[in-house]
Amino acid sequence: MAKLLGLTLVGLVLALYKNHRSSYQTRLNAFREVTPVDLPNCTLVKGIEAGAEDLEILPNGLTFFSTGLKYPGIKSFDPSKPGKILLMDLNEKEPAVSELAIMGNTLDMSSFNPHGISTFIDEDNTVYLLVVSHPDSSSTVEVFKFQEEERSLLHLKTITHELLPSINDIAAVGPESFYATNDHYFADPYLRSWEMYLGLSWSNVVYYSPDKVRVVADGFDFANGIGISLDGKYVYIAELLAHKIHVYEKHANWTLTPLKPEAGKNPDPSTEERIQKMWYIYTMEYYSAIKNNDFMKFTGKWSELENIILSEVTQSQKNTHGMHSLISGY
């Protein structure tokens, strides 16, 4: 009898392990087949061989790239060198990248490990670049002032906080204020691995300002990219391992409210495909507008796309069929 109970217990454990492993592989899209896509007018940009983790495009076409990320579990292209911030002008016929010199003596460049980036343009047109960095496997936000004439970044400040243990991406709303995604609850690599394997949806989004820091959204299975709509009314949050993008309404006090689906309506399986096609078309038009210096014309079209996305997501249960892959990164 004891042997039978023992075998039964072992069988149950193995069955649970097998089911959980299958669920884990599904969350990671481990067996997903990727269909090759032939994009028009694509050109290899030389000088970003260390990998472009994130990019930020200014209204005038200048584009920042964060490169050289070293992240646990991800192959590093150049592990012996610190990361860099590169600059490219999309108005040029054949855009090329150049490294931005980082000025000031308050940042340890040897451990600079840039991840997500975001910009904020002040009323006097001063451009601030906020950069997520992981020096020695920790998480910081480095605040820079962009010096366009010198083609350099002046380091102003390093931000750390106990509510920012594992920052992935950032959306700036001021020179020192931002929303940030924590892709894990734990900072310890061992605990992070178990958190991810067990599917613990404990990652979150934090609002940071010099005066107030708080969690404004949580319950994510690896919160990833984050962005704000052009009109500043909505925040888009990518939940990587759930393959969703969530839409939140942003309030004057910086809190976020999820846009909830209408009860009793079934999701439309074609919504995601339509949104991805629209996003692709408008992205192509975006770069075309940059090359033709026609930003104002494009801004109206991009606002139109955001309205369409919000409408589509509302009709098809936003929290079930999000726009996965539209906000990317790791």
C-alpha atoms as a PDB file:
ATOM      1  CA  MET A   1       0.000   0.000   0.000  1.00  0.00           C
ATOM      2  CA  ALA A   2       2.835   2.365   0.910  1.00  0.00           C
ATOM      3  CA  LYS A   3       4.546   1.697  -2.433  1.00  0.00           C
ATOM      4  CA  LEU A   4       1.316   2.401  -4.292  1.00  0.00           C
ATOM      5  CA  LEU A   5       0.868   5.696  -2.480  1.00  0.00           C
ATOM      6  CA  GLY A   6       4.505   6.574  -3.153  1.00  0.00           C
ATOM      7  CA  LEU A   7       4.185   5.825  -6.869  1.00  0.00           C
ATOM      8  CA  THR A   8       0.959   7.802  -7.018  1.00  0.00           C
ATOM      9  CA  LEU A   9       2.612  10.787  -5.345  1.00  0.00           C
ATOM     10  CA  VAL A  10       5.604  10.611  -7.716  1.00  0.00           C
ATOM     11  CA  GLY A  11       3.236  10.382 -10.677  1.00  0.00           C
ATOM     12  CA  LEU A  12       1.293  13.447  -9.538  1.00  0.00           C
ATOM     13  CA  VAL A  13       4.503  15.445  -9.040  1.00  0.00           C
ATOM     14  CA  LEU A  14       5.790  14.461 -12.492  1.00  0.00           C
ATOM     15  CA  ALA A  15       2.430  15.312 -14.089  1.00  0.00           C
ATOM     16  CA  LEU A  16       2.370  18.733 -12.419  1.00  0.00           C
ATOM     17  CA  TYR A  17       5.973  19.352 -13.469  1.00  0.00           C
ATOM     18  CA  LYS A  18       5.222  18.370 -17.063  1.00  0.00           C
ATOM     19  CA  ASN A  19       2.138  20.595 -17.216  1.00  0.00           C
ATOM     20  CA  HIS A  20       3.975  23.520 -15.644  1.00  0.00           C
ATOM     21  CA  ARG A  21       6.948  23.096 -17.977  1.00  0.00           C
ATOM     22  CA  SER A  22       4.589  23.120 -20.957  1.00  0.00           C
ATOM     23  CA  SER A  23       2.935  26.293 -19.636  1.00  0.00           C
ATOM     24  CA  TYR A  24       6.352  27.897 -19.114  1.00  0.00           C
ATOM     25  CA  GLN A  25       7.396  27.088 -22.683  1.00  0.00           C
ATOM     26  CA  THR A  26       4.128  28.525 -23.982  1.00  0.00           C
ATOM     27  CA  ARG A  27       4.700  31.767 -22.073  1.00  0.00           C
ATOM     28  CA  LEU A  28       8.168  32.005 -23.586  1.00  0.00           C
ATOM     29  CA  ASN A  29       6.863  31.209 -27.092  1.00  0.00           C
ATOM     30  CA  ALA A  30       9.583  28.556 -27.150  1.00  0.00           C
ATOM     31  CA  PHE A  31       8.175  26.719 -30.171  1.00  0.00           C
ATOM     32  CA  ARG A  32       6.768  29.660 -32.088  1.00  0.00           C
ATOM     33  CA  GLU A  33       7.608  29.678 -35.778  1.00  0.00           C
ATOM     34  CA  VAL A  34       8.723  33.048 -37.072  1.00  0.00           C
ATOM     35  CA  THR A  35       7.626  33.900 -40.596  1.00  0.00           C
ATOM     36  CA  PRO A  36      10.232  35.905 -42.551  1.00  0.00           C
ATOM     37  CA  VAL A  37       9.017  39.355 -43.589  1.00  0.00           C
ATOM     38  CA  ASP A  38      10.552  41.229 -46.500  1.00  0.00           C
ATOM     39  CA  LEU A  39      10.415  44.888 -45.474  1.00  0.00           C
ATOM     40  CA  PRO A  40      10.904  47.541 -48.176  1.00  0.00           C
ATOM     41  CA  ASN A  41      13.834  49.936 -48.222  1.00  0.00           C
ATOM     42  CA  CYS A  42      15.697  48.303 -45.317  1.00  0.00           C
ATOM     43  CA  THR A  43      19.369  49.182 -44.947  1.00  0.00           C
ATOM     44  CA  LEU A  44      21.866  47.874 -42.419  1.00  0.00           C
ATOM     45  CA  VAL A  45      23.020  50.665 -40.114  1.00  0.00           C
ATOM     46  CA  LYS A  46      26.695  50.158 -39.403  1.00  0.00           C
ATOM     47  CA  GLY A  47      28.110  50.945 -35.998  1.00  0.00           C
ATOM     48  CA  ILE A  48      25.424  49.254 -33.890  1.00  0.00           C
ATOM     49  CA  GLU A  49      26.989  45.804 -33.952  1.00  0.00           C
ATOM     50  CA  ALA A  50      26.734  45.584 -30.147  1.00  0.00           C
ATOM     51  CA  GLY A  51      22.942  45.561 -30.439  1.00  0.00           C
ATOM     52  CA  ALA A  52      20.350  48.355 -30.200  1.00  0.00           C
ATOM     53  CA  GLU A  53      18.343  47.746 -27.037  1.00  0.00           C
ATOM     54  CA  ASP A  54      16.128  50.826 -27.296  1.00  0.00           C
ATOM     55  CA  LEU A  55      15.730  53.987 -29.350  1.00  0.00           C
ATOM     56  CA  GLU A  56      14.094  57.372 -28.942  1.00  0.00           C
ATOM     57  CA  ILE A  57      13.284  59.697 -31.850  1.00  0.00           C
ATOM     58  CA  LEU A  58      13.089  63.457 -31.329  1.00  0.00           C
ATOM     59  CA  PRO A  59      10.664  65.610 -33.362  1.00  0.00           C
ATOM     60  CA  ASN A  60      13.593  66.960 -35.406  1.00  0.00           C
ATOM     61  CA  GLY A  61      14.662  63.470 -36.502  1.00  0.00           C
ATOM     62  CA  LEU A  62      17.630  63.046 -34.168  1.00  0.00           C
ATOM     63  CA  THR A  63      17.556  59.540 -32.725  1.00  0.00           C
ATOM     64  CA  PHE A  64      19.180  58.130 -29.584  1.00  0.00           C
ATOM     65  CA  PHE A  65      20.149  54.450 -29.332  1.00  0.00           C
ATOM     66  CA  SER A  66      21.118  52.538 -26.193  1.00  0.00           C
ATOM     67  CA  THR A  67      23.585  49.780 -27.045  1.00  0.00           C
ATOM     68  CA  GLY A  68      25.743  47.164 -25.384  1.00  0.00           C
ATOM     69  CA  LEU A  69      23.266  45.850 -22.811  1.00  0.00           C
ATOM     70  CA  LYS A  70      24.508  43.048 -20.581  1.00  0.00           C
ATOM     71  CA  TYR A  71      21.509  41.237 -19.127  1.00  0.00           C
ATOM     72  CA  PRO A  72      21.273  37.922 -17.218  1.00  0.00           C
ATOM     73  CA  GLY A  73      20.462  35.066 -19.587  1.00  0.00           C
ATOM     74  CA  ILE A  74      20.981  37.162 -22.726  1.00  0.00           C
ATOM     75  CA  LYS A  75      24.082  36.870 -24.911  1.00  0.00           C
ATOM     76  CA  SER A  76      26.208  40.022 -24.856  1.00  0.00           C
ATOM     77  CA  PHE A  77      27.738  41.115 -28.158  1.00  0.00           C
ATOM     78  CA  ASP A  78      30.690  42.836 -26.498  1.00  0.00           C
ATOM     79  CA  PRO A  79      30.930  41.787 -22.819  1.00  0.00           C
ATOM     80  CA  SER A  80      34.314  43.414 -22.229  1.00  0.00           C
ATOM     81  CA  LYS A  81      33.177  46.972 -22.980  1.00  0.00           C
ATOM     82  CA  PRO A  82      30.655  49.285 -21.286  1.00  0.00           C
ATOM     83  CA  GLY A  83      27.465  50.323 -23.049  1.00  0.00           C
ATOM     84  CA  LYS A  84      27.063  53.445 -25.153  1.00  0.00           C
ATOM     85  CA  ILE A  85      24.493  55.996 -26.260  1.00  0.00           C
ATOM     86  CA  LEU A  86      24.602  56.551 -30.022  1.00  0.00           C
ATOM     87  CA  LEU A  87      23.072  59.329 -32.112  1.00  0.00           C
ATOM     88  CA  MET A  88      21.720  59.220 -35.664  1.00  0.00           C
ATOM     89  CA  ASP A  89      20.102  61.926 -37.795  1.00  0.00           C
ATOM     90  CA  LEU A  90      17.218  60.463 -39.795  1.00  0.00           C
ATOM     91  CA  ASN A  91      17.124  63.561 -41.990  1.00  0.00           C
ATOM     92  CA  GLU A  92      20.357  62.481 -43.664  1.00  0.00           C
ATOM     93  CA  LYS A  93      20.150  60.598 -46.953  1.00  0.00           C
ATOM     94  CA  GLU A  94      22.334  57.817 -45.583  1.00  0.00           C
ATOM     95  CA  PRO A  95      22.026  58.062 -41.783  1.00  0.00           C
ATOM     96  CA  ALA A  96      25.075  57.004 -39.787  1.00  0.00           C
ATOM     97  CA  VAL A  97      25.537  56.654 -36.041  1.00  0.00           C
ATOM     98  CA  SER A  98      28.079  58.355 -33.823  1.00  0.00           C
ATOM     99  CA  GLU A  99      28.834  57.830 -30.153  1.00  0.00           C
ATOM    100  CA  LEU A 100      27.769  60.596 -27.798  1.00  0.00           C
ATOM    101  CA  ALA A 101      30.468  61.699 -25.385  1.00  0.00           C
ATOM    102  CA  ILE A 102      29.290  61.640 -21.778  1.00  0.00           C
ATOM    103  CA  MET A 103      30.466  64.680 -19.834  1.00  0.00           C
ATOM    104  CA  GLY A 104      30.815  65.148 -16.100  1.00  0.00           C
ATOM    105  CA  ASN A 105      32.607  63.136 -13.448  1.00  0.00           C
ATOM    106  CA  THR A 106      29.613  61.745 -11.556  1.00  0.00           C
ATOM    107  CA  LEU A 107      29.036  58.575 -13.612  1.00  0.00           C
ATOM    108  CA  ASP A 108      31.203  55.456 -13.561  1.00  0.00           C
ATOM    109  CA  MET A 109      31.462  54.767 -17.277  1.00  0.00           C
ATOM    110  CA  SER A 110      33.145  51.393 -16.782  1.00  0.00           C
ATOM    111  CA  SER A 111      29.876  49.956 -15.424  1.00  0.00           C
ATOM    112  CA  PHE A 112      27.488  51.896 -17.687  1.00  0.00           C
ATOM    113  CA  ASN A 113      24.958  49.317 -18.898  1.00  0.00           C
ATOM    114  CA  PRO A 114      22.094  51.114 -20.707  1.00  0.00           C
ATOM    115  CA  HIS A 115      18.697  49.483 -21.182  1.00  0.00           C
ATOM    116  CA  GLY A 116      15.443  51.438 -21.792  1.00  0.00           C
ATOM    117  CA  ILE A 117      15.619  55.149 -22.639  1.00  0.00           C
ATOM    118  CA  SER A 118      13.179  58.068 -22.837  1.00  0.00           C
ATOM    119  CA  THR A 119      13.360  61.801 -23.504  1.00  0.00           C
ATOM    120  CA  PHE A 120      11.634  64.849 -22.062  1.00  0.00           C
ATOM    121  CA  ILE A 121      11.679  68.232 -23.811  1.00  0.00           C
ATOM    122  CA  ASP A 122      11.303  71.214 -21.467  1.00  0.00           C
ATOM    123  CA  GLU A 123       9.482  74.465 -22.244  1.00  0.00           C
ATOM    124  CA  ASP A 124      12.795  76.065 -23.251  1.00  0.00           C
ATOM    125  CA  ASN A 125      13.427  73.118 -25.651  1.00  0.00           C
ATOM    126  CA  THR A 126      16.069  71.591 -23.403  1.00  0.00           C
ATOM    127  CA  VAL A 127      16.230  67.859 -24.105  1.00  0.00           C
ATOM    128  CA  TYR A 128      16.690  65.500 -21.167  1.00  0.00           C
ATOM    129  CA  LEU A 129      17.585  61.868 -21.802  1.00  0.00           C
ATOM    130  CA  LEU A 130      16.693  59.392 -19.048  1.00  0.00           C
ATOM    131  CA  VAL A 131      18.509  56.073 -19.282  1.00  0.00           C
ATOM    132  CA  VAL A 132      17.894  52.840 -17.389  1.00  0.00           C
ATOM    133  CA  SER A 133      21.255  51.323 -16.479  1.00  0.00           C
ATOM    134  CA  HIS A 134      22.305  48.124 -14.714  1.00  0.00           C
ATOM    135  CA  PRO A 135      25.705  48.690 -13.121  1.00  0.00           C
ATOM    136  CA  ASP A 136      26.852  45.522 -11.353  1.00  0.00           C
ATOM    137  CA  SER A 137      23.391  43.943 -11.894  1.00  0.00           C
ATOM    138  CA  SER A 138      21.596  46.739 -10.012  1.00  0.00           C
ATOM    139  CA  SER A 139      19.073  49.210 -11.444  1.00  0.00           C
ATOM    140  CA  THR A 140      19.524  52.960 -11.773  1.00  0.00           C
ATOM    141  CA  VAL A 141      18.098  55.772 -13.861  1.00  0.00           C
ATOM    142  CA  GLU A 142      20.749  58.122 -15.223  1.00  0.00           C
ATOM    143  CA  VAL A 143      19.606  61.645 -16.085  1.00  0.00           C
ATOM    144  CA  PHE A 144      21.415  63.475 -18.893  1.00  0.00           C
ATOM    145  CA  LYS A 145      21.073  66.844 -20.602  1.00  0.00           C
ATOM    146  CA  PHE A 146      21.546  66.616 -24.372  1.00  0.00           C
ATOM    147  CA  GLN A 147      24.034  69.175 -25.686  1.00  0.00           C
ATOM    148  CA  GLU A 148      23.205  69.218 -29.382  1.00  0.00           C
ATOM    149  CA  GLU A 149      25.973  71.504 -30.631  1.00  0.00           C
ATOM    150  CA  GLU A 150      28.667  69.529 -28.817  1.00  0.00           C
ATOM    151  CA  ARG A 151      26.974  66.221 -29.657  1.00  0.00           C
ATOM    152  CA  SER A 152      27.368  65.152 -26.033  1.00  0.00           C
ATOM    153  CA  LEU A 153      25.412  64.220 -22.910  1.00  0.00           C
ATOM    154  CA  LEU A 154      25.969  66.025 -19.615  1.00  0.00           C
ATOM    155  CA  HIS A 155      25.349  63.681 -16.699  1.00  0.00           C
ATOM    156  CA  LEU A 156      23.164  65.378 -14.104  1.00  0.00           C
ATOM    157  CA  LYS A 157      22.006  62.767 -11.633  1.00  0.00           C
ATOM    158  CA  THR A 158      21.723  59.076 -10.708  1.00  0.00           C
ATOM    159  CA  ILE A 159      18.343  57.920  -9.377  1.00  0.00           C
ATOM    160  CA  THR A 160      17.857  54.788  -7.286  1.00  0.00           C
ATOM    161  CA  HIS A 161      14.946  53.682  -5.113  1.00  0.00           C
ATOM    162  CA  GLU A 162      13.795  50.558  -3.276  1.00  0.00           C
ATOM    163  CA  LEU A 163      10.652  50.464  -5.455  1.00  0.00           C
ATOM    164  CA  LEU A 164      12.858  50.277  -8.564  1.00  0.00           C
ATOM    165  CA  PRO A 165      14.699  46.952  -8.070  1.00  0.00           C
ATOM    166  CA  SER A 166      14.570  45.646 -11.636  1.00  0.00           C
ATOM    167  CA  ILE A 167      13.825  48.407 -14.149  1.00  0.00           C
ATOM    168  CA  ASN A 168      13.268  47.457 -17.773  1.00  0.00           C
ATOM    169  CA  ASP A 169      11.867  50.486 -19.556  1.00  0.00           C
ATOM    170  CA  ILE A 170      10.974  54.070 -18.778  1.00  0.00           C
ATOM    171  CA  ALA A 171       8.633  56.831 -19.969  1.00  0.00           C
ATOM    172  CA  ALA A 172       9.747  60.320 -18.973  1.00  0.00           C
ATOM    173  CA  VAL A 173       7.174  62.922 -17.906  1.00  0.00           C
ATOM    174  CA  GLY A 174       9.670  65.468 -16.555  1.00  0.00           C
ATOM    175  CA  PRO A 175      13.423  66.061 -16.223  1.00  0.00           C
ATOM    176  CA  GLU A 176      13.472  63.811 -13.145  1.00  0.00           C
ATOM    177  CA  SER A 177       9.994  62.251 -13.262  1.00  0.00           C
ATOM    178  CA  PHE A 178       8.947  59.091 -15.057  1.00  0.00           C
ATOM    179  CA  TYR A 179       6.956  55.871 -15.184  1.00  0.00           C
ATOM    180  CA  ALA A 180       9.120  52.741 -15.057  1.00  0.00           C
ATOM    181  CA  THR A 181       8.433  49.042 -15.518  1.00  0.00           C
ATOM    182  CA  ASN A 182       9.980  46.530 -13.122  1.00  0.00           C
ATOM    183  CA  ASP A 183      10.227  43.263 -15.065  1.00  0.00           C
ATOM    184  CA  HIS A 184      10.757  41.299 -11.834  1.00  0.00           C
ATOM    185  CA  TYR A 185       9.715  41.750  -8.225  1.00  0.00           C
ATOM    186  CA  PHE A 186      13.016  40.422  -6.894  1.00  0.00           C
ATOM    187  CA  ALA A 187      16.479  41.814  -7.534  1.00  0.00           C
ATOM    188  CA  ASP A 188      18.316  38.602  -6.585  1.00  0.00           C
ATOM    189  CA  PRO A 189      19.084  36.545  -9.749  1.00  0.00           C
ATOM    190  CA  TYR A 190      18.153  33.231  -8.091  1.00  0.00           C
ATOM    191  CA  LEU A 191      14.775  34.495  -6.863  1.00  0.00           C
ATOM    192  CA  ARG A 192      14.142  36.195 -10.211  1.00  0.00           C
ATOM    193  CA  SER A 193      14.601  32.853 -11.988  1.00  0.00           C
ATOM    194  CA  TRP A 194      12.039  31.144  -9.768  1.00  0.00           C
ATOM    195  CA  GLU A 195       9.659  34.090 -10.061  1.00  0.00           C
ATOM    196  CA  MET A 196       9.785  33.791 -13.830  1.00  0.00           C
ATOM    197  CA  TYR A 197       9.592  29.988 -13.937  1.00  0.00           C
ATOM    198  CA  LEU A 198       6.640  29.775 -11.538  1.00  0.00           C
ATOM    199  CA  GLY A 199       4.747  32.443 -13.462  1.00  0.00           C
ATOM    200  CA  LEU A 200       4.393  34.761 -10.471  1.00  0.00           C
ATOM    201  CA  SER A 201       2.758  37.886 -11.874  1.00  0.00           C
ATOM    202  CA  TRP A 202       4.432  40.186  -9.408  1.00  0.00           C
ATOM    203  CA  SER A 203       6.117  42.749 -11.627  1.00  0.00           C
ATOM    204  CA  ASN A 204       4.777  46.297 -11.677  1.00  0.00           C
ATOM    205  CA  VAL A 205       4.889  49.879 -12.898  1.00  0.00           C
ATOM    206  CA  VAL A 206       6.183  52.650 -10.665  1.00  0.00           C
ATOM    207  CA  TYR A 207       5.721  56.407 -10.882  1.00  0.00           C
ATOM    208  CA  TYR A 208       8.802  58.293  -9.702  1.00  0.00           C
ATOM    209  CA  SER A 209       9.265  61.974  -8.932  1.00  0.00           C
ATOM    210  CA  PRO A 210      11.602  63.729  -6.489  1.00  0.00           C
ATOM    211  CA  ASP A 211       8.593  64.278  -4.199  1.00  0.00           C
ATOM    212  CA  LYS A 212       6.632  61.039  -4.536  1.00  0.00           C
ATOM    213  CA  VAL A 213       7.309  57.419  -5.514  1.00  0.00           C
ATOM    214  CA  ARG A 214       4.605  54.762  -5.697  1.00  0.00           C
ATOM    215  CA  VAL A 215       3.427  51.661  -7.511  1.00  0.00           C
ATOM    216  CA  VAL A 216       0.684  52.668  -9.965  1.00  0.00           C
ATOM    217  CA  ALA A 217       0.001  49.300 -11.647  1.00  0.00           C
ATOM    218  CA  ASP A 218       0.906  45.705 -10.780  1.00  0.00           C
ATOM    219  CA  GLY A 219       0.111  42.050 -11.409  1.00  0.00           C
ATOM    220  CA  PHE A 220       2.190  41.722 -14.604  1.00  0.00           C
ATOM    221  CA  ASP A 221       3.935  38.617 -15.881  1.00  0.00           C
ATOM    222  CA  PHE A 222       7.170  40.429 -16.834  1.00  0.00           C
ATOM    223  CA  ALA A 223       6.271  44.107 -17.375  1.00  0.00           C
ATOM    224  CA  ASN A 224       8.331  45.202 -20.351  1.00  0.00           C
ATOM    225  CA  GLY A 225       8.041  48.214 -22.661  1.00  0.00           C
ATOM    226  CA  ILE A 226       6.101  51.333 -21.700  1.00  0.00           C
ATOM    227  CA  GLY A 227       4.979  54.331 -23.728  1.00  0.00           C
ATOM    228  CA  ILE A 228       2.703  57.364 -23.496  1.00  0.00           C
ATOM    229  CA  SER A 229       0.235  58.515 -26.171  1.00  0.00           C
ATOM    230  CA  LEU A 230       0.977  61.745 -28.024  1.00  0.00           C
ATOM    231  CA  ASP A 231      -1.814  63.569 -26.217  1.00  0.00           C
ATOM    232  CA  GLY A 232      -0.485  62.357 -22.853  1.00  0.00           C
ATOM    233  CA  LYS A 233      -3.807  60.780 -21.863  1.00  0.00           C
ATOM    234  CA  TYR A 234      -2.906  57.103 -22.050  1.00  0.00           C
ATOM    235  CA  VAL A 235      -0.061  54.826 -20.991  1.00  0.00           C
ATOM    236  CA  TYR A 236       0.650  51.599 -22.899  1.00  0.00           C
ATOM    237  CA  ILE A 237       2.304  48.760 -20.952  1.00  0.00           C
ATOM    238  CA  ALA A 238       3.612  45.570 -22.540  1.00  0.00           C
ATOM    239  CA  GLU A 239       3.259  42.362 -20.523  1.00  0.00           C
ATOM    240  CA  LEU A 240       5.861  40.194 -22.227  1.00  0.00           C
ATOM    241  CA  LEU A 241       5.106  36.674 -21.011  1.00  0.00           C
ATOM    242  CA  ALA A 242       1.334  37.140 -21.208  1.00  0.00           C
ATOM    243  CA  HIS A 243       1.710  38.453 -24.775  1.00  0.00           C
ATOM    244  CA  LYS A 244      -0.449  41.509 -24.079  1.00  0.00           C
ATOM    245  CA  ILE A 245      -0.354  45.271 -24.193  1.00  0.00           C
ATOM    246  CA  HIS A 246      -2.484  47.046 -21.597  1.00  0.00           C
ATOM    247  CA  VAL A 247      -3.968  50.510 -22.002  1.00  0.00           C
ATOM    248  CA  TYR A 248      -4.210  52.745 -18.929  1.00  0.00           C
ATOM    249  CA  GLU A 249      -5.719  56.168 -18.515  1.00  0.00           C
ATOM    250  CA  LYS A 250      -3.292  58.660 -16.957  1.00  0.00           C
ATOM    251  CA  HIS A 251      -4.679  61.082 -14.376  1.00  0.00           C
ATOM    252  CA  ALA A 252      -3.535  64.518 -13.198  1.00  0.00           C
ATOM    253  CA  ASN A 253      -2.177  63.019  -9.963  1.00  0.00           C
ATOM    254  CA  TRP A 254      -0.104  60.535 -12.044  1.00  0.00           C
ATOM    255  CA  THR A 255      -2.172  57.507 -11.040  1.00  0.00           C
ATOM    256  CA  LEU A 256      -3.236  55.026 -13.733  1.00  0.00           C
ATOM    257  CA  THR A 257      -6.629  53.408 -14.331  1.00  0.00           C
ATOM    258  CA  PRO A 258      -6.906  50.372 -16.618  1.00  0.00           C
ATOM    259  CA  LEU A 259      -9.400  50.662 -19.451  1.00  0.00           C
ATOM    260  CA  LYS A 260     -11.665  47.722 -18.690  1.00  0.00           C
ATOM    261  CA  PRO A 261     -13.428  45.588 -21.326  1.00  0.00           C
ATOM    262  CA  GLU A 262     -17.172  45.660 -21.698  1.00  0.00           C
ATOM    263  CA  ALA A 263     -18.764  42.752 -19.831  1.00  0.00           C
ATOM    264  CA  GLY A 264     -20.166  39.877 -21.842  1.00  0.00           C
ATOM    265  CA  LYS A 265     -18.394  40.654 -25.127  1.00  0.00           C
ATOM    266  CA  ASN A 266     -16.209  38.086 -26.828  1.00  0.00           C
ATOM    267  CA  PRO A 267     -12.801  39.143 -28.150  1.00  0.00           C
ATOM    268  CA  ASP A 268     -12.392  39.615 -31.871  1.00  0.00           C
ATOM    269  CA  PRO A 269      -9.484  37.385 -33.017  1.00  0.00           C
ATOM    270  CA  SER A 270      -8.796  39.614 -36.022  1.00  0.00           C
ATOM    271  CA  THR A 271      -8.203  42.748 -33.950  1.00  0.00           C
ATOM    272  CA  GLU A 272      -4.536  42.063 -33.288  1.00  0.00           C
ATOM    273  CA  GLU A 273      -3.839  41.435 -36.967  1.00  0.00           C
ATOM    274  CA  ARG A 274      -5.563  44.678 -37.993  1.00  0.00           C
ATOM    275  CA  ILE A 275      -3.668  46.687 -35.375  1.00  0.00           C
ATOM    276  CA  GLN A 276      -0.320  45.202 -36.374  1.00  0.00           C
ATOM    277  CA  LYS A 277      -0.969  46.030 -40.038  1.00  0.00           C
ATOM    278  CA  MET A 278      -1.966  49.599 -39.143  1.00  0.00           C
ATOM    279  CA  TRP A 279       1.088  49.965 -36.898  1.00  0.00           C
ATOM    280  CA  TYR A 280       3.364  48.762 -39.703  1.00  0.00           C
ATOM    281  CA  ILE A 281       1.825  51.145 -42.262  1.00  0.00           C
ATOM    282  CA  TYR A 282       2.018  54.129 -39.931  1.00  0.00           C
ATOM    283  CA  THR A 283       5.585  53.261 -38.904  1.00  0.00           C
ATOM    284  CA  MET A 284       6.632  53.339 -42.562  1.00  0.00           C
ATOM    285  CA  GLU A 285       4.853  56.685 -42.965  1.00  0.00           C
ATOM    286  CA  TYR A 286       6.623  57.948 -39.838  1.00  0.00           C
ATOM    287  CA  TYR A 287      10.075  57.403 -41.300  1.00  0.00           C
ATOM    288  CA  SER A 288       8.891  58.824 -44.607  1.00  0.00           C
ATOM    289  CA  ALA A 289       7.704  61.943 -42.801  1.00  0.00           C
ATOM    290  CA  ILE A 290      11.063  62.253 -41.076  1.00  0.00           C
ATOM    291  CA  LYS A 291      12.925  62.126 -44.384  1.00  0.00           C
ATOM    292  CA  ASN A 292      10.577  64.691 -45.912  1.00  0.00           C
ATOM    293  CA  ASN A 293      10.582  66.986 -42.866  1.00  0.00           C
ATOM    294  CA  ASP A 294       6.794  66.698 -42.685  1.00  0.00           C
ATOM    295  CA  PHE A 295       6.312  66.031 -38.980  1.00  0.00           C
ATOM    296  CA  MET A 296       3.157  68.099 -38.490  1.00  0.00           C
ATOM    297  CA  LYS A 297       1.315  66.180 -41.188  1.00  0.00           C
ATOM    298  CA  PHE A 298       2.352  62.882 -39.675  1.00  0.00           C
ATOM    299  CA  THR A 299       1.459  63.887 -36.104  1.00  0.00           C
ATOM    300  CA  GLY A 300      -2.201  64.050 -37.099  1.00  0.00           C
ATOM    301  CA  LYS A 301      -2.014  60.599 -38.669  1.00  0.00           C
ATOM    302  CA  TRP A 302      -0.333  59.112 -35.599  1.00  0.00           C
ATOM    303  CA  SER A 303      -3.035  60.586 -33.359  1.00  0.00           C
ATOM    304  CA  GLU A 304      -5.585  59.001 -35.686  1.00  0.00           C
ATOM    305  CA  LEU A 305      -3.861  55.625 -35.270  1.00  0.00           C
ATOM    306  CA  GLU A 306      -3.952  55.930 -31.473  1.00  0.00           C
ATOM    307  CA  ASN A 307      -7.689  56.642 -31.599  1.00  0.00           C
ATOM    308  CA  ILE A 308      -8.213  53.595 -33.835  1.00  0.00           C
ATOM    309  CA  ILE A 309      -6.164  51.401 -31.495  1.00  0.00           C
ATOM    310  CA  LEU A 310      -8.126  52.550 -28.443  1.00  0.00           C
ATOM    311  CA  SER A 311     -11.391  51.939 -30.256  1.00  0.00           C
ATOM    312  CA  GLU A 312     -10.337  48.502 -31.505  1.00  0.00           C
ATOM    313  CA  VAL A 313      -9.037  47.425 -28.124  1.00  0.00           C
ATOM    314  CA  THR A 314     -12.193  48.598 -26.374  1.00  0.00           C
ATOM    315  CA  GLN A 315     -14.352  46.556 -28.706  1.00  0.00           C
ATOM    316  CA  SER A 316     -12.289  43.398 -28.390  1.00  0.00           C
ATOM    317  CA  GLN A 317     -11.494  43.251 -24.662  1.00  0.00           C
ATOM    318  CA  LYS A 318      -8.248  45.111 -24.224  1.00  0.00           C
ATOM    319  CA  ASN A 319      -6.903  42.887 -21.485  1.00  0.00           C
ATOM    320  CA  THR A 320      -7.355  39.718 -23.546  1.00  0.00           C
ATOM    321  CA  HIS A 321      -6.104  40.544 -27.026  1.00  0.00           C
ATOM    322  CA  GLY A 322      -3.520  43.291 -26.651  1.00  0.00           C
ATOM    323  CA  MET A 323      -1.043  44.546 -29.171  1.00  0.00           C
ATOM    324  CA  HIS A 324       1.829  42.205 -28.375  1.00  0.00           C
ATOM    325  CA  SER A 325       5.025  42.943 -30.194  1.00  0.00           C
ATOM    326  CA  LEU A 326       4.100  46.593 -30.699  1.00  0.00           C
ATOM    327  CA  ILE A 327       6.112  47.598 -27.680  1.00  0.00           C
ATOM    328  CA  SER A 328       9.179  45.408 -27.615  1.00  0.00           C
ATOM    329  CA  GLY A 329      12.505  44.965 -25.928  1.00  0.00           C
ATOM    330  CA  TYR A 330      13.621  42.662 -23.135  1.00  0.00           C
END
